Amino acid sequence: MRTFPLVLGSVAMLAGIAAAEPSGDPFEGKLRPIPTDQTMSADEVLKYAMPYLPRVQYCYKRFAQPDKRASGDLQLYVVIARNGKIVHSDVTAPGVSMFRMAYLDRCLRKEMETWSFPTRTGFTNAIIPYFFLQTKTPQAGPFPGCYNPKGCRDFKF
């Protein structure tokens, strides 16, 4: 009778080890492609994050922009669960004081609670970069910017 639980325990442990194997050695260049239903690509994350740009801009304009040292750079690190909801996020905004950063972080987290992405069989980790440029001309900004060696797509609001 004691052998049954031991055998069952060892089978469960082996199944856990097999599932934790990497998809290949990154130094040999033999990585297996990740199935498209497992995680989202960078283009997909950008596509589904773009409708939320006005709210991100609102938070940045309200809480970070008044800080004279704010650089206009904003990065959102998000972990998207299998159900398409954000389960973890970190906000980085260089030059923004800790006091204003707390309010910016709170505003963005409240907004990200409403975001939804397509469902996948695995989690997706992504960094969503934003760059807000402001000029002193009336009605001129901030507006989103982009740096891409291949060129930038037109942003539609």
Protein backbone atom coordinates (compact mmCIF):
# COMPACT_ATOMS: atom_id res chain seq x y z
CA MET A 1 0.00 0.00 0.00
CA ARG A 2 2.84 2.43 0.61
CA THR A 3 4.26 2.06 -2.88
CA PHE A 4 1.22 3.59 -4.60
CA PRO A 5 1.65 7.10 -3.09
CA LEU A 6 5.41 7.02 -3.77
CA VAL A 7 4.94 6.06 -7.40
CA LEU A 8 2.22 8.67 -7.88
CA GLY A 9 4.40 11.34 -6.27
CA SER A 10 7.38 10.56 -8.50
CA VAL A 11 5.23 10.62 -11.64
CA ALA A 12 3.86 14.05 -10.69
CA MET A 13 7.38 15.34 -10.03
CA LEU A 14 8.64 14.11 -13.43
CA ALA A 15 5.71 15.76 -15.20
CA GLY A 16 6.56 19.04 -13.47
CA ILE A 17 10.18 18.82 -14.55
CA ALA A 18 9.26 18.07 -18.16
CA ALA A 19 6.91 21.07 -18.32
CA ALA A 20 9.62 23.39 -16.98
CA GLU A 21 12.15 22.62 -19.73
CA PRO A 22 13.23 25.61 -21.83
CA SER A 23 12.40 25.78 -25.51
CA GLY A 24 16.05 25.41 -26.54
CA ASP A 25 19.53 26.71 -25.85
CA PRO A 26 19.61 30.44 -26.70
CA PHE A 27 23.38 30.30 -27.24
CA GLU A 28 23.15 27.63 -29.92
CA GLY A 29 20.52 29.54 -31.91
CA LYS A 30 18.17 26.56 -31.90
CA LEU A 31 15.16 28.10 -30.20
CA ARG A 32 11.86 26.53 -31.04
CA PRO A 33 9.23 29.04 -32.13
CA ILE A 34 6.58 29.89 -29.57
CA PRO A 35 3.11 28.87 -30.77
CA THR A 36 0.94 31.87 -31.70
CA ASP A 37 -1.83 30.81 -29.33
CA GLN A 38 0.55 30.77 -26.35
CA THR A 39 1.59 34.43 -26.10
CA MET A 40 1.14 37.73 -27.95
CA SER A 41 3.68 39.31 -30.26
CA ALA A 42 4.90 42.89 -29.81
CA ASP A 43 2.71 44.02 -32.72
CA GLU A 44 -0.37 42.46 -31.12
CA VAL A 45 0.34 44.11 -27.76
CA LEU A 46 0.75 47.48 -29.49
CA LYS A 47 -2.42 46.94 -31.53
CA TYR A 48 -4.55 46.20 -28.46
CA ALA A 49 -2.90 48.89 -26.29
CA MET A 50 -3.40 51.76 -28.76
CA PRO A 51 -7.09 52.37 -27.95
CA TYR A 52 -6.04 53.14 -24.37
CA LEU A 53 -3.51 55.82 -25.40
CA PRO A 54 -5.80 58.81 -24.65
CA ARG A 55 -6.22 57.67 -21.02
CA VAL A 56 -2.47 57.06 -20.62
CA GLN A 57 -1.88 60.53 -22.08
CA TYR A 58 -4.41 62.00 -19.64
CA CYS A 59 -2.62 60.46 -16.64
CA TYR A 60 0.79 61.59 -17.85
CA LYS A 61 -0.39 65.09 -18.67
CA ARG A 62 -2.14 65.50 -15.34
CA PHE A 63 0.46 64.07 -12.95
CA ALA A 64 3.88 63.93 -14.63
CA GLN A 65 3.96 66.81 -17.07
CA PRO A 66 3.81 69.57 -14.40
CA ASP A 67 7.16 68.28 -13.09
CA LYS A 68 9.79 70.40 -14.88
CA ARG A 69 12.27 67.48 -14.88
CA ALA A 70 9.87 65.06 -16.61
CA SER A 71 11.49 63.78 -19.80
CA GLY A 72 8.29 62.75 -21.58
CA ASP A 73 9.39 59.10 -21.51
CA LEU A 74 6.96 56.59 -20.03
CA GLN A 75 7.26 52.81 -19.98
CA LEU A 76 4.62 50.38 -18.78
CA TYR A 77 5.85 46.89 -17.96
CA VAL A 78 2.82 44.60 -17.93
CA VAL A 79 2.17 40.92 -17.38
CA ILE A 80 -0.95 39.85 -19.26
CA ALA A 81 -2.65 36.74 -17.93
CA ARG A 82 -4.19 34.01 -20.04
CA ASN A 83 -7.62 35.60 -19.72
CA GLY A 84 -6.36 38.88 -21.25
CA LYS A 85 -6.31 40.92 -18.03
CA ILE A 86 -3.24 42.66 -16.65
CA VAL A 87 -2.11 40.93 -13.45
CA HIS A 88 1.07 42.92 -12.79
CA SER A 89 2.39 46.30 -13.89
CA ASP A 90 5.32 48.60 -13.24
CA VAL A 91 5.50 52.22 -14.33
CA THR A 92 8.75 53.99 -15.22
CA ALA A 93 8.82 57.74 -15.92
CA PRO A 94 12.32 59.28 -15.79
CA GLY A 95 12.57 62.71 -14.24
CA VAL A 96 9.24 62.54 -12.44
CA SER A 97 9.52 63.18 -8.69
CA MET A 98 8.52 60.43 -6.26
CA PHE A 99 5.57 62.49 -5.07
CA ARG A 100 4.10 62.90 -8.57
CA MET A 101 5.12 59.36 -9.52
CA ALA A 102 2.85 57.96 -6.81
CA TYR A 103 -0.15 59.75 -8.33
CA LEU A 104 0.85 58.82 -11.88
CA ASP A 105 1.25 55.18 -10.87
CA ARG A 106 -2.15 55.14 -9.15
CA CYS A 107 -3.88 56.73 -12.15
CA LEU A 108 -2.30 54.33 -14.66
CA ARG A 109 -3.00 51.24 -12.55
CA LYS A 110 -6.64 52.27 -12.23
CA GLU A 111 -6.83 52.63 -16.02
CA MET A 112 -5.05 49.32 -16.68
CA GLU A 113 -7.66 47.47 -14.61
CA THR A 114 -10.10 48.11 -17.46
CA TRP A 115 -7.77 46.97 -20.26
CA SER A 116 -8.38 43.68 -21.99
CA PHE A 117 -6.29 41.72 -24.45
CA PRO A 118 -7.09 38.53 -26.37
CA THR A 119 -6.93 35.25 -24.47
CA ARG A 120 -3.89 33.02 -24.86
CA THR A 121 -2.76 29.72 -23.35
CA GLY A 122 0.21 31.40 -21.63
CA PHE A 123 1.18 34.67 -20.00
CA THR A 124 2.60 37.61 -21.97
CA ASN A 125 5.27 39.96 -20.61
CA ALA A 126 5.51 43.27 -22.44
CA ILE A 127 7.01 46.73 -22.13
CA ILE A 128 4.81 49.35 -23.74
CA PRO A 129 6.86 52.51 -24.40
CA TYR A 130 5.37 55.97 -24.72
CA PHE A 131 7.09 59.26 -25.43
CA PHE A 132 5.17 62.47 -24.91
CA LEU A 133 6.64 65.61 -26.44
CA GLN A 134 5.38 69.00 -25.40
CA THR A 135 6.06 72.34 -26.99
CA LYS A 136 5.06 75.76 -25.75
CA THR A 137 2.75 76.35 -28.71
CA PRO A 138 -0.93 76.39 -27.70
CA GLN A 139 -2.76 73.11 -28.41
CA ALA A 140 0.52 71.44 -29.43
CA GLY A 141 0.95 68.61 -26.99
CA PRO A 142 1.82 66.39 -25.43
CA PHE A 143 1.42 63.91 -28.25
CA PRO A 144 2.80 60.40 -28.68
CA GLY A 145 6.10 59.90 -30.42
CA CYS A 146 7.84 56.86 -31.77
CA TYR A 147 11.34 55.69 -32.55
CA ASN A 148 11.66 52.79 -34.90
CA PRO A 149 14.54 52.25 -37.36
CA LYS A 150 12.03 50.95 -39.94
CA GLY A 151 9.78 53.98 -39.57
CA CYS A 152 6.71 54.71 -37.49
CA ARG A 153 3.11 53.94 -38.22
CA ASP A 154 0.58 56.74 -38.12
CA PHE A 155 -1.20 56.90 -34.78
CA LYS A 156 -4.97 57.17 -35.05
CA PHE A 157 -6.99 58.55 -32.17
